[in-house]
Amino acid sequence: MAYLFPALSFAGAAVYESIQMADTVGLFQIESRAQMSALPRTKPKCFADLSMQDEHELETSTPLLPMTTEERLVADFGGTGLTIGPHLMSYHRADMNRAGVTPAADLRRKPDGIYARIAGVVIARQRPGTASGFVFLGLEDETGISNAIINPHLYERNRVAVTRGKILQVEGTLQNQDGVINVRASAVHVLALSDVEMRSHDFH
């Protein structure tokens, strides 16, 4: 069951029905597998029920290790389609910096025409019928959203990456004119950074 986070009410019955199935662990940062496994049994009906759970019982009755960062991200995205913890790309920023990837928020300070490299979670793919085969990608990192333009020839050579890749690195010529910022791609690569199942808005 997926909800838009800004629309959630922590007093809403539907939220706790989902939590009782251990389906929205990110909402209250239920971070250990012990706590997750107890939710269907304890069936919390309000925030107080969550905060009053017996920690000793949880840790002794279910001797499981705390969730790793990757496990928490998989659980968050799998249950709600989002996480209120750090963005996935933030865990890889050091590697991205070493690879010469520019954060989305920094693109506005880069001059028009330079060669740029961007990367992020694909949140949108658009291929308008009036765009002569061009594909437009929206990539999200922890600083914001960057946009890439894939020409028809590059799309045909990288069709699987462009249409199915969850996390992409795109490089090409930066267009920064009158506040409109895009990267006209000359190369696109899939980044195997996580097993998280992201949901993107594709070809709408």
Protein backbone atom coordinates (compact mmCIF):
# COMPACT_ATOMS: atom_id res chain seq x y z
CA MET A 1 0.00 0.00 0.00
CA ALA A 2 1.58 3.29 -1.06
CA TYR A 3 0.78 6.80 0.21
CA LEU A 4 2.03 10.25 -0.69
CA PHE A 5 3.96 11.26 2.40
CA PRO A 6 2.72 14.90 2.60
CA ALA A 7 -0.87 13.60 2.63
CA LEU A 8 -0.34 11.13 5.46
CA SER A 9 -2.06 11.59 8.81
CA PHE A 10 -0.30 9.80 11.63
CA ALA A 11 -3.71 9.45 13.27
CA GLY A 12 -5.21 7.75 10.20
CA ALA A 13 -6.46 4.20 10.60
CA ALA A 14 -5.25 3.22 7.12
CA VAL A 15 -1.66 4.11 8.05
CA TYR A 16 -1.71 1.77 11.03
CA GLU A 17 -3.41 -1.00 9.09
CA SER A 18 -0.43 -0.86 6.74
CA ILE A 19 2.05 -0.73 9.65
CA GLN A 20 0.39 -3.78 11.21
CA MET A 21 1.40 -5.68 8.08
CA ALA A 22 4.96 -4.30 8.39
CA ASP A 23 4.31 -2.56 5.08
CA THR A 24 5.32 1.04 5.81
CA VAL A 25 8.40 0.75 7.97
CA GLY A 26 9.87 4.03 6.78
CA LEU A 27 7.07 6.18 8.16
CA PHE A 28 8.16 5.83 11.78
CA GLN A 29 11.70 4.64 11.06
CA ILE A 30 11.05 1.11 12.38
CA GLU A 31 14.60 0.10 11.68
CA SER A 32 15.18 -3.44 12.99
CA ARG A 33 13.92 -6.72 11.67
CA ALA A 34 12.93 -7.60 15.24
CA GLN A 35 10.53 -4.69 15.38
CA MET A 36 9.21 -5.43 11.89
CA SER A 37 8.44 -9.05 12.73
CA ALA A 38 6.56 -8.00 15.88
CA LEU A 39 4.21 -5.60 14.11
CA PRO A 40 1.67 -8.19 12.86
CA ARG A 41 1.49 -9.60 16.41
CA THR A 42 1.35 -6.38 18.43
CA LYS A 43 -0.94 -4.64 15.89
CA PRO A 44 -0.30 -0.98 16.90
CA LYS A 45 -3.36 1.20 16.42
CA CYS A 46 -1.79 4.59 17.25
CA PHE A 47 1.62 6.24 17.66
CA ALA A 48 1.58 5.55 21.42
CA ASP A 49 1.31 1.82 20.75
CA LEU A 50 4.50 2.03 18.72
CA SER A 51 6.43 3.97 21.35
CA MET A 52 5.23 1.78 24.24
CA GLN A 53 6.26 -1.57 22.78
CA ASP A 54 8.42 -3.57 25.16
CA GLU A 55 11.94 -3.29 23.73
CA HIS A 56 13.22 -6.15 25.90
CA GLU A 57 10.56 -8.49 24.53
CA LEU A 58 11.34 -7.47 20.97
CA GLU A 59 15.06 -8.09 21.27
CA THR A 60 14.81 -11.37 23.20
CA SER A 61 11.87 -12.98 21.41
CA THR A 62 13.22 -12.15 17.94
CA PRO A 63 17.03 -12.34 18.02
CA LEU A 64 17.67 -10.60 14.69
CA LEU A 65 20.31 -8.07 13.75
CA PRO A 66 19.38 -4.44 13.02
CA MET A 67 18.57 -3.74 9.39
CA THR A 68 21.39 -2.59 7.16
CA THR A 69 21.06 0.66 5.21
CA GLU A 70 20.31 -1.29 2.04
CA GLU A 71 17.66 -3.44 3.78
CA ARG A 72 16.00 -0.36 5.22
CA LEU A 73 15.90 1.37 1.85
CA VAL A 74 14.46 -1.75 0.19
CA ALA A 75 11.81 -2.01 2.90
CA ASP A 76 10.95 1.70 2.75
CA PHE A 77 10.60 1.85 -1.02
CA GLY A 78 8.89 -1.52 -1.21
CA GLY A 79 6.22 -0.47 1.29
CA THR A 80 5.65 3.19 0.52
CA GLY A 81 7.59 4.10 -2.61
CA LEU A 82 9.69 6.60 -0.61
CA THR A 83 11.97 7.02 2.37
CA ILE A 84 12.16 9.83 4.89
CA GLY A 85 15.75 8.86 5.66
CA PRO A 86 18.77 10.03 3.63
CA HIS A 87 18.40 9.81 -0.15
CA LEU A 88 19.90 6.69 -1.72
CA MET A 89 22.41 8.76 -3.70
CA SER A 90 23.76 10.41 -0.56
CA TYR A 91 25.32 7.09 0.48
CA HIS A 92 27.33 7.09 -2.76
CA ARG A 93 28.23 10.78 -2.99
CA ALA A 94 31.92 10.23 -2.28
CA ASP A 95 32.15 7.73 -5.15
CA MET A 96 30.14 10.05 -7.40
CA ASN A 97 32.50 12.93 -6.63
CA ARG A 98 35.51 10.79 -7.49
CA ALA A 99 33.83 9.84 -10.78
CA GLY A 100 33.32 13.52 -11.66
CA VAL A 101 29.54 13.46 -11.26
CA THR A 102 28.04 16.90 -10.61
CA PRO A 103 25.22 17.08 -8.03
CA ALA A 104 21.96 18.39 -9.47
CA ALA A 105 22.02 21.52 -7.31
CA ASP A 106 25.46 22.51 -8.62
CA LEU A 107 24.55 22.44 -12.32
CA ARG A 108 23.12 25.97 -12.27
CA ARG A 109 26.59 27.28 -11.44
CA LYS A 110 28.23 25.50 -14.38
CA PRO A 111 28.73 27.36 -17.67
CA ASP A 112 26.76 26.52 -20.78
CA GLY A 113 28.52 24.17 -23.19
CA ILE A 114 30.84 22.28 -20.84
CA TYR A 115 31.00 18.50 -20.71
CA ALA A 116 29.08 17.33 -17.64
CA ARG A 117 28.30 14.08 -15.89
CA ILE A 118 25.12 13.60 -13.85
CA ALA A 119 23.62 10.63 -12.01
CA GLY A 120 20.54 9.78 -10.02
CA VAL A 121 17.42 7.73 -9.52
CA VAL A 122 15.19 7.86 -12.61
CA ILE A 123 11.92 9.52 -11.58
CA ALA A 124 10.52 10.24 -15.05
CA ARG A 125 10.92 9.13 -18.64
CA GLN A 126 9.13 11.06 -21.37
CA ARG A 127 9.06 10.38 -25.10
CA PRO A 128 6.52 12.79 -26.60
CA GLY A 129 5.14 11.91 -30.00
CA THR A 130 6.06 15.39 -31.23
CA ALA A 131 9.72 15.15 -30.12
CA SER A 132 11.05 13.24 -33.15
CA GLY A 133 12.20 10.26 -31.07
CA PHE A 134 13.99 12.20 -28.32
CA VAL A 135 13.65 10.89 -24.75
CA PHE A 136 13.71 13.16 -21.71
CA LEU A 137 14.89 11.80 -18.36
CA GLY A 138 14.53 13.22 -14.86
CA LEU A 139 17.26 12.04 -12.47
CA GLU A 140 16.98 12.68 -8.73
CA ASP A 141 19.84 12.82 -6.25
CA GLU A 142 19.99 14.10 -2.68
CA THR A 143 20.31 17.70 -3.87
CA GLY A 144 17.54 17.89 -6.45
CA ILE A 145 16.58 16.88 -9.99
CA SER A 146 18.67 17.03 -13.15
CA ASN A 147 17.36 16.58 -16.69
CA ALA A 148 18.88 14.68 -19.58
CA ILE A 149 17.99 14.64 -23.28
CA ILE A 150 18.59 11.36 -25.10
CA ASN A 151 18.78 11.62 -28.88
CA PRO A 152 17.19 8.87 -31.04
CA HIS A 153 20.50 7.26 -32.04
CA LEU A 154 21.73 7.04 -28.45
CA TYR A 155 18.33 5.72 -27.39
CA GLU A 156 18.46 2.92 -29.98
CA ARG A 157 21.97 1.91 -28.83
CA ASN A 158 21.00 2.00 -25.14
CA ARG A 159 17.30 1.14 -25.24
CA VAL A 160 17.38 -1.25 -22.25
CA ALA A 161 19.36 1.15 -20.07
CA VAL A 162 17.15 4.11 -20.93
CA THR A 163 13.83 2.30 -20.53
CA ARG A 164 14.61 0.00 -17.60
CA GLY A 165 17.54 1.44 -15.69
CA LYS A 166 16.60 2.47 -12.14
CA ILE A 167 19.74 4.49 -11.44
CA LEU A 168 21.55 6.09 -14.37
CA GLN A 169 24.69 8.06 -15.06
CA VAL A 170 24.45 10.37 -18.05
CA GLU A 171 27.20 12.44 -19.60
CA GLY A 172 27.22 14.97 -22.37
CA THR A 173 27.05 18.68 -23.15
CA LEU A 174 25.47 20.92 -20.53
CA GLN A 175 22.84 23.39 -21.70
CA ASN A 176 22.43 26.20 -19.19
CA GLN A 177 20.44 28.99 -20.79
CA ASP A 178 17.95 31.36 -19.19
CA GLY A 179 17.54 29.12 -16.17
CA VAL A 180 16.78 26.01 -18.25
CA ILE A 181 19.33 23.29 -17.53
CA ASN A 182 19.71 20.01 -19.44
CA VAL A 183 22.45 17.59 -20.35
CA ARG A 184 22.39 16.60 -24.04
CA ALA A 185 23.58 13.04 -23.57
CA SER A 186 26.36 11.36 -25.48
CA ALA A 187 26.59 8.36 -23.14
CA VAL A 188 24.33 6.66 -20.62
CA HIS A 189 25.18 3.94 -18.09
CA VAL A 190 23.22 1.92 -15.55
CA LEU A 191 24.60 2.19 -12.00
CA ALA A 192 24.19 -0.93 -9.87
CA LEU A 193 24.06 0.89 -6.54
CA SER A 194 21.02 -0.72 -4.92
CA ASP A 195 18.33 -3.39 -5.25
CA VAL A 196 15.67 -0.87 -4.27
CA GLU A 197 12.57 -1.01 -6.50
CA MET A 198 11.94 2.61 -7.50
CA ARG A 199 8.80 3.73 -9.29
CA SER A 200 9.17 6.19 -12.14
CA HIS A 201 6.63 7.97 -14.34
CA ASP A 202 7.37 6.58 -17.76
CA PHE A 203 6.49 7.92 -21.20
CA HIS A 204 3.55 10.08 -20.10
